[in-house]
PDB file of N, CA and C in Angstrom:
ATOM      1  N   UNK A   1      75.363 145.438 143.307  1.00  0.00           N
ATOM      2  CA  UNK A   1      75.059 146.105 144.559  1.00  0.00           C
ATOM      3  C   UNK A   1      75.738 147.480 144.509  1.00  0.00           C
ATOM      4  N   UNK A   2      75.030 148.511 144.901  1.00  0.00           N
ATOM      5  CA  UNK A   2      75.610 149.847 144.925  1.00  0.00           C
ATOM      6  C   UNK A   2      76.478 150.019 146.167  1.00  0.00           C
ATOM      7  N   UNK A   3      77.246 151.088 146.181  1.00  0.00           N
ATOM      8  CA  UNK A   3      78.136 151.349 147.309  1.00  0.00           C
ATOM      9  C   UNK A   3      77.335 151.565 148.588  1.00  0.00           C
ATOM     10  N   UNK A   4      76.246 152.307 148.507  1.00  0.00           N
ATOM     11  CA  UNK A   4      75.419 152.577 149.691  1.00  0.00           C
ATOM     12  C   UNK A   4      74.789 151.294 150.228  1.00  0.00           C
ATOM     13  N   UNK A   5      74.328 150.417 149.326  1.00  0.00           N
ATOM     14  CA  UNK A   5      73.745 149.136 149.754  1.00  0.00           C
ATOM     15  C   UNK A   5      74.806 148.266 150.440  1.00  0.00           C
ATOM     16  N   UNK A   6      75.999 148.256 149.876  1.00  0.00           N
ATOM     17  CA  UNK A   6      77.080 147.447 150.459  1.00  0.00           C
ATOM     18  C   UNK A   6      77.454 147.959 151.844  1.00  0.00           C
ATOM     19  N   UNK A   7      77.521 149.275 152.015  1.00  0.00           N
ATOM     20  CA  UNK A   7      77.846 149.843 153.324  1.00  0.00           C
ATOM     21  C   UNK A   7      76.764 149.489 154.338  1.00  0.00           C
ATOM     22  N   UNK A   8      75.493 149.598 153.937  1.00  0.00           N
ATOM     23  CA  UNK A   8      74.388 149.271 154.847  1.00  0.00           C
ATOM     24  C   UNK A   8      74.449 147.802 155.259  1.00  0.00           C
ATOM     25  N   UNK A   9      74.697 146.911 154.309  1.00  0.00           N
ATOM     26  CA  UNK A   9      74.772 145.478 154.609  1.00  0.00           C
ATOM     27  C   UNK A   9      75.975 145.184 155.513  1.00  0.00           C
ATOM     28  N   UNK A  10      77.073 145.859 155.262  1.00  0.00           N
ATOM     29  CA  UNK A  10      78.281 145.688 156.063  1.00  0.00           C
ATOM     30  C   UNK A  10      78.014 146.087 157.512  1.00  0.00           C
ATOM     31  N   UNK A  11      77.393 147.224 157.715  1.00  0.00           N
ATOM     32  CA  UNK A  11      77.079 147.682 159.069  1.00  0.00           C
ATOM     33  C   UNK A  11      76.135 146.712 159.766  1.00  0.00           C
ATOM     34  N   UNK A  12      75.180 146.177 159.027  1.00  0.00           N
ATOM     35  CA  UNK A  12      74.233 145.211 159.600  1.00  0.00           C
ATOM     36  C   UNK A  12      74.960 143.949 160.060  1.00  0.00           C
ATOM     37  N   UNK A  13      75.861 143.428 159.231  1.00  0.00           N
ATOM     38  CA  UNK A  13      76.598 142.213 159.590  1.00  0.00           C
ATOM     39  C   UNK A  13      77.563 142.455 160.752  1.00  0.00           C
ATOM     40  N   UNK A  14      78.196 143.620 160.788  1.00  0.00           N
ATOM     41  CA  UNK A  14      79.112 143.927 161.889  1.00  0.00           C
ATOM     42  C   UNK A  14      78.356 144.097 163.205  1.00  0.00           C
ATOM     43  N   UNK A  15      77.142 144.639 163.151  1.00  0.00           N
ATOM     44  CA  UNK A  15      76.334 144.764 164.374  1.00  0.00           C
ATOM     45  C   UNK A  15      75.929 143.394 164.893  1.00  0.00           C
ATOM     46  N   UNK A  16      75.650 142.456 163.982  1.00  0.00           N
ATOM     47  CA  UNK A  16      75.264 141.103 164.397  1.00  0.00           C
ATOM     48  C   UNK A  16      76.437 140.424 165.109  1.00  0.00           C
ATOM     49  N   UNK A  17      77.666 140.702 164.659  1.00  0.00           N
ATOM     50  CA  UNK A  17      78.875 140.199 165.330  1.00  0.00           C
ATOM     51  C   UNK A  17      78.951 138.704 165.435  1.00  0.00           C
ATOM     52  N   UNK A  18      78.693 137.996 164.354  1.00  0.00           N
ATOM     53  CA  UNK A  18      78.711 136.535 164.368  1.00  0.00           C
ATOM     54  C   UNK A  18      80.136 136.005 164.490  1.00  0.00           C
ATOM     55  N   UNK A  19      80.470 135.421 165.602  1.00  0.00           N
ATOM     56  CA  UNK A  19      81.756 134.755 165.790  1.00  0.00           C
ATOM     57  C   UNK A  19      82.969 135.657 165.699  1.00  0.00           C
ATOM     58  N   UNK A  20      82.789 136.949 165.928  1.00  0.00           N
ATOM     59  CA  UNK A  20      83.926 137.847 165.891  1.00  0.00           C
ATOM     60  C   UNK A  20      84.396 138.189 164.491  1.00  0.00           C
ATOM     61  N   UNK A  21      83.597 137.926 163.467  1.00  0.00           N
ATOM     62  CA  UNK A  21      83.992 138.235 162.100  1.00  0.00           C
ATOM     63  C   UNK A  21      83.826 139.720 161.820  1.00  0.00           C
ATOM     64  N   UNK A  22      84.661 140.238 160.918  1.00  0.00           N
ATOM     65  CA  UNK A  22      84.572 141.632 160.498  1.00  0.00           C
ATOM     66  C   UNK A  22      84.249 141.660 159.013  1.00  0.00           C
ATOM     67  N   UNK A  23      83.323 142.510 158.615  1.00  0.00           N
ATOM     68  CA  UNK A  23      82.883 142.625 157.236  1.00  0.00           C
ATOM     69  C   UNK A  23      83.308 143.980 156.684  1.00  0.00           C
ATOM     70  N   UNK A  24      83.710 143.996 155.410  1.00  0.00           N
ATOM     71  CA  UNK A  24      84.182 145.200 154.749  1.00  0.00           C
ATOM     72  C   UNK A  24      83.556 145.305 153.366  1.00  0.00           C
ATOM     73  N   UNK A  25      83.592 146.511 152.809  1.00  0.00           N
ATOM     74  CA  UNK A  25      83.096 146.758 151.462  1.00  0.00           C
ATOM     75  C   UNK A  25      84.275 146.686 150.503  1.00  0.00           C
ATOM     76  N   UNK A  26      84.102 145.957 149.384  1.00  0.00           N
ATOM     77  CA  UNK A  26      85.164 145.834 148.382  1.00  0.00           C
ATOM     78  C   UNK A  26      84.610 146.210 147.019  1.00  0.00           C
ATOM     79  N   UNK A  27      85.407 146.929 146.240  1.00  0.00           N
ATOM     80  CA  UNK A  27      85.017 147.357 144.900  1.00  0.00           C
ATOM     81  C   UNK A  27      85.325 146.248 143.912  1.00  0.00           C
ATOM     82  N   UNK A  28      84.379 145.927 143.043  1.00  0.00           N
ATOM     83  CA  UNK A  28      84.609 144.886 142.036  1.00  0.00           C
ATOM     84  C   UNK A  28      84.958 145.528 140.703  1.00  0.00           C
ATOM     85  N   UNK A  29      83.962 145.923 139.942  1.00  0.00           N
ATOM     86  CA  UNK A  29      84.177 146.555 138.642  1.00  0.00           C
ATOM     87  C   UNK A  29      83.129 147.633 138.440  1.00  0.00           C
ATOM     88  N   UNK A  30      83.523 148.729 137.856  1.00  0.00           N
ATOM     89  CA  UNK A  30      82.568 149.793 137.554  1.00  0.00           C
ATOM     90  C   UNK A  30      81.875 150.288 138.804  1.00  0.00           C
ATOM     91  N   UNK A  31      80.559 150.143 138.847  1.00  0.00           N
ATOM     92  CA  UNK A  31      79.759 150.562 139.999  1.00  0.00           C
ATOM     93  C   UNK A  31      79.357 149.378 140.868  1.00  0.00           C
ATOM     94  N   UNK A  32      79.974 148.223 140.675  1.00  0.00           N
ATOM     95  CA  UNK A  32      79.618 147.013 141.413  1.00  0.00           C
ATOM     96  C   UNK A  32      80.467 146.897 142.668  1.00  0.00           C
ATOM     97  N   UNK A  33      79.811 146.737 143.807  1.00  0.00           N
ATOM     98  CA  UNK A  33      80.476 146.598 145.103  1.00  0.00           C
ATOM     99  C   UNK A  33      80.029 145.298 145.741  1.00  0.00           C
ATOM    100  N   UNK A  34      80.850 144.769 146.624  1.00  0.00           N
ATOM    101  CA  UNK A  34      80.493 143.538 147.341  1.00  0.00           C
ATOM    102  C   UNK A  34      80.896 143.647 148.800  1.00  0.00           C
ATOM    103  N   UNK A  35      80.275 142.807 149.619  1.00  0.00           N
ATOM    104  CA  UNK A  35      80.603 142.743 151.046  1.00  0.00           C
ATOM    105  C   UNK A  35      81.477 141.511 151.240  1.00  0.00           C
ATOM    106  N   UNK A  36      82.633 141.702 151.856  1.00  0.00           N
ATOM    107  CA  UNK A  36      83.567 140.592 152.056  1.00  0.00           C
ATOM    108  C   UNK A  36      83.911 140.459 153.527  1.00  0.00           C
ATOM    109  N   UNK A  37      84.223 139.235 153.912  1.00  0.00           N
ATOM    110  CA  UNK A  37      84.650 138.962 155.277  1.00  0.00           C
ATOM    111  C   UNK A  37      86.161 138.844 155.263  1.00  0.00           C
ATOM    112  N   UNK A  38      86.811 139.497 156.194  1.00  0.00           N
ATOM    113  CA  UNK A  38      88.266 139.453 156.264  1.00  0.00           C
ATOM    114  C   UNK A  38      88.680 138.646 157.484  1.00  0.00           C
ATOM    115  N   UNK A  39      89.428 137.593 157.246  1.00  0.00           N
ATOM    116  CA  UNK A  39      90.017 136.790 158.318  1.00  0.00           C
ATOM    117  C   UNK A  39      91.519 136.978 158.236  1.00  0.00           C
ATOM    118  N   UNK A  40      92.116 137.470 159.303  1.00  0.00           N
ATOM    119  CA  UNK A  40      93.545 137.696 159.330  1.00  0.00           C
ATOM    120  C   UNK A  40      94.182 136.633 160.211  1.00  0.00           C
ATOM    121  N   UNK A  41      95.077 135.819 159.658  1.00  0.00           N
ATOM    122  CA  UNK A  41      95.716 134.803 160.477  1.00  0.00           C
ATOM    123  C   UNK A  41      96.568 135.443 161.559  1.00  0.00           C
ATOM    124  N   UNK A  42      96.531 134.846 162.722  1.00  0.00           N
ATOM    125  CA  UNK A  42      97.332 135.338 163.829  1.00  0.00           C
ATOM    126  C   UNK A  42      96.609 136.309 164.733  1.00  0.00           C
ATOM    127  N   UNK A  43      95.509 136.881 164.266  1.00  0.00           N
ATOM    128  CA  UNK A  43      94.750 137.782 165.114  1.00  0.00           C
ATOM    129  C   UNK A  43      93.677 137.006 165.851  1.00  0.00           C
ATOM    130  N   UNK A  44      93.539 137.237 167.141  1.00  0.00           N
ATOM    131  CA  UNK A  44      92.513 136.505 167.883  1.00  0.00           C
ATOM    132  C   UNK A  44      91.122 136.988 167.492  1.00  0.00           C
ATOM    133  N   UNK A  45      90.173 136.098 167.566  1.00  0.00           N
ATOM    134  CA  UNK A  45      88.791 136.460 167.292  1.00  0.00           C
ATOM    135  C   UNK A  45      88.274 137.360 168.400  1.00  0.00           C
ATOM    136  N   UNK A  46      87.397 138.277 168.043  1.00  0.00           N
ATOM    137  CA  UNK A  46      86.810 139.121 169.073  1.00  0.00           C
ATOM    138  C   UNK A  46      85.871 138.257 169.900  1.00  0.00           C
ATOM    139  N   UNK A  47      86.030 138.305 171.148  1.00  0.00           N
ATOM    140  CA  UNK A  47      85.198 137.504 172.025  1.00  0.00           C
ATOM    141  C   UNK A  47      85.196 138.107 173.411  1.00  0.00           C
ATOM    142  N   UNK A  48      84.821 137.309 174.390  1.00  0.00           N
ATOM    143  CA  UNK A  48      84.807 137.818 175.752  1.00  0.00           C
ATOM    144  C   UNK A  48      86.237 138.057 176.230  1.00  0.00           C
ATOM    145  N   UNK A  49      86.397 139.004 177.125  1.00  0.00           N
ATOM    146  CA  UNK A  49      87.715 139.318 177.659  1.00  0.00           C
ATOM    147  C   UNK A  49      88.144 138.237 178.638  1.00  0.00           C
ATOM    148  N   UNK A  50      89.436 138.088 178.802  1.00  0.00           N
ATOM    149  CA  UNK A  50      89.968 137.107 179.744  1.00  0.00           C
ATOM    150  C   UNK A  50      90.979 137.789 180.645  1.00  0.00           C
ATOM    151  N   UNK A  51      91.337 137.094 181.698  1.00  0.00           N
ATOM    152  CA  UNK A  51      92.252 137.657 182.685  1.00  0.00           C
ATOM    153  C   UNK A  51      93.639 137.854 182.084  1.00  0.00           C
ATOM    154  N   UNK A  52      94.237 138.974 182.362  1.00  0.00           N
ATOM    155  CA  UNK A  52      95.574 139.270 181.850  1.00  0.00           C
ATOM    156  C   UNK A  52      96.633 138.641 182.752  1.00  0.00           C
ATOM    157  N   UNK A  53      97.759 138.310 182.172  1.00  0.00           N
ATOM    158  CA  UNK A  53      98.881 137.754 182.916  1.00  0.00           C
ATOM    159  C   UNK A  53      99.968 138.814 182.957  1.00  0.00           C
ATOM    160  N   UNK A  54     100.426 139.136 184.149  1.00  0.00           N
ATOM    161  CA  UNK A  54     101.442 140.159 184.303  1.00  0.00           C
ATOM    162  C   UNK A  54     102.816 139.570 184.006  1.00  0.00           C
ATOM    163  N   UNK A  55     103.578 140.258 183.205  1.00  0.00           N
ATOM    164  CA  UNK A  55     104.946 139.818 182.952  1.00  0.00           C
ATOM    165  C   UNK A  55     105.886 140.894 183.474  1.00  0.00           C
ATOM    166  N   UNK A  56     106.883 140.458 184.187  1.00  0.00           N
ATOM    167  CA  UNK A  56     107.837 141.395 184.781  1.00  0.00           C
ATOM    168  C   UNK A  56     109.150 141.304 184.019  1.00  0.00           C
ATOM    169  N   UNK A  57     109.864 142.406 183.899  1.00  0.00           N
ATOM    170  CA  UNK A  57     111.146 142.353 183.194  1.00  0.00           C
ATOM    171  C   UNK A  57     112.155 141.514 183.972  1.00  0.00           C
ATOM    172  N   UNK A  58     113.056 140.910 183.227  1.00  0.00           N
ATOM    173  CA  UNK A  58     114.093 140.108 183.877  1.00  0.00           C
ATOM    174  C   UNK A  58     115.073 141.039 184.588  1.00  0.00           C
ATOM    175  N   UNK A  59     115.609 140.612 185.729  1.00  0.00           N
ATOM    176  CA  UNK A  59     116.572 141.477 186.428  1.00  0.00           C
ATOM    177  C   UNK A  59     117.822 141.670 185.583  1.00  0.00           C
ATOM    178  N   UNK A  60     118.350 142.865 185.621  1.00  0.00           N
ATOM    179  CA  UNK A  60     119.551 143.188 184.855  1.00  0.00           C
ATOM    180  C   UNK A  60     120.771 143.140 185.772  1.00  0.00           C
ATOM    181  N   UNK A  61     121.929 142.932 185.161  1.00  0.00           N
ATOM    182  CA  UNK A  61     123.173 142.976 185.922  1.00  0.00           C
ATOM    183  C   UNK A  61     123.394 144.405 186.410  1.00  0.00           C
ATOM    184  N   UNK A  62     123.994 144.561 187.592  1.00  0.00           N
ATOM    185  CA  UNK A  62     124.259 145.927 188.064  1.00  0.00           C
ATOM    186  C   UNK A  62     125.257 146.610 187.132  1.00  0.00           C
ATOM    187  N   UNK A  63     125.194 147.918 187.021  1.00  0.00           N
ATOM    188  CA  UNK A  63     126.127 148.614 186.132  1.00  0.00           C
ATOM    189  C   UNK A  63     127.570 148.453 186.592  1.00  0.00           C
ATOM    190  N   UNK A  64     128.473 148.434 185.646  1.00  0.00           N
ATOM    191  CA  UNK A  64     129.901 148.290 185.931  1.00  0.00           C
ATOM    192  C   UNK A  64     130.417 149.614 186.496  1.00  0.00           C
ATOM    193  N   UNK A  65     131.005 149.605 187.705  1.00  0.00           N
ATOM    194  CA  UNK A  65     131.439 150.867 188.316  1.00  0.00           C
ATOM    195  C   UNK A  65     132.699 151.446 187.688  1.00  0.00           C
ATOM    196  N   UNK A  66     133.410 150.685 186.847  1.00  0.00           N
ATOM    197  CA  UNK A  66     134.637 151.197 186.241  1.00  0.00           C
ATOM    198  C   UNK A  66     134.321 152.250 185.184  1.00  0.00           C
ATOM    199  N   UNK A  67     135.269 153.113 184.917  1.00  0.00           N
ATOM    200  CA  UNK A  67     135.078 154.125 183.881  1.00  0.00           C
ATOM    201  C   UNK A  67     135.107 153.452 182.511  1.00  0.00           C
ATOM    202  N   UNK A  68     134.623 154.141 181.491  1.00  0.00           N
ATOM    203  CA  UNK A  68     134.592 153.551 180.150  1.00  0.00           C
ATOM    204  C   UNK A  68     136.005 153.275 179.643  1.00  0.00           C
ATOM    205  N   UNK A  69     136.977 154.112 180.024  1.00  0.00           N
ATOM    206  CA  UNK A  69     138.365 153.895 179.621  1.00  0.00           C
ATOM    207  C   UNK A  69     138.875 152.558 180.176  1.00  0.00           C
ATOM    208  N   UNK A  70     138.588 152.272 181.431  1.00  0.00           N
ATOM    209  CA  UNK A  70     139.057 151.035 182.041  1.00  0.00           C
ATOM    210  C   UNK A  70     138.295 149.815 181.490  1.00  0.00           C
ATOM    211  N   UNK A  71     137.024 149.977 181.167  1.00  0.00           N
ATOM    212  CA  UNK A  71     136.250 148.843 180.640  1.00  0.00           C
ATOM    213  C   UNK A  71     136.719 148.464 179.238  1.00  0.00           C
ATOM    214  N   UNK A  72     137.183 149.402 178.440  1.00  0.00           N
ATOM    215  CA  UNK A  72     137.515 149.145 177.048  1.00  0.00           C
ATOM    216  C   UNK A  72     138.967 148.761 176.817  1.00  0.00           C
ATOM    217  N   UNK A  73     139.820 148.807 177.841  1.00  0.00           N
ATOM    218  CA  UNK A  73     141.222 148.422 177.675  1.00  0.00           C
ATOM    219  C   UNK A  73     141.346 146.925 177.904  1.00  0.00           C
ATOM    220  N   UNK A  74     142.022 146.198 176.997  1.00  0.00           N
ATOM    221  CA  UNK A  74     142.231 144.766 177.212  1.00  0.00           C
ATOM    222  C   UNK A  74     143.087 144.526 178.447  1.00  0.00           C
ATOM    223  N   UNK A  75     143.056 143.317 178.991  1.00  0.00           N
ATOM    224  CA  UNK A  75     143.774 143.053 180.239  1.00  0.00           C
ATOM    225  C   UNK A  75     145.288 143.273 180.158  1.00  0.00           C
ATOM    226  N   UNK A  76     145.891 143.100 178.994  1.00  0.00           N
ATOM    227  CA  UNK A  76     147.345 143.198 178.893  1.00  0.00           C
ATOM    228  C   UNK A  76     147.793 144.432 178.112  1.00  0.00           C
ATOM    229  N   UNK A  77     147.060 145.477 178.111  1.00  0.00           N
ATOM    230  CA  UNK A  77     147.443 146.694 177.431  1.00  0.00           C
ATOM    231  C   UNK A  77     146.994 146.725 175.981  1.00  0.00           C
ATOM    232  N   UNK A  78     147.338 147.783 175.313  1.00  0.00           N
ATOM    233  CA  UNK A  78     146.879 147.987 173.934  1.00  0.00           C
ATOM    234  C   UNK A  78     147.584 147.107 172.946  1.00  0.00           C
TER     235      UNK A  78
END
């Protein structure tokens, strides 16, 4: 398969969008090209969108009003 044929076939398969699969062109040897499907573990399949869940940051402790000198001195002196 030539490079141009592989690109055309790749675009055709990506337009069909079967099950969220993605197709790419891969070089074999010399002038031989092939169309391959790439499945990446951990990535969700392309599909219909779903409702998002809002996550809020956890509340933080209020800042320490003491100066840095007082915060860094041990309780019983140096």
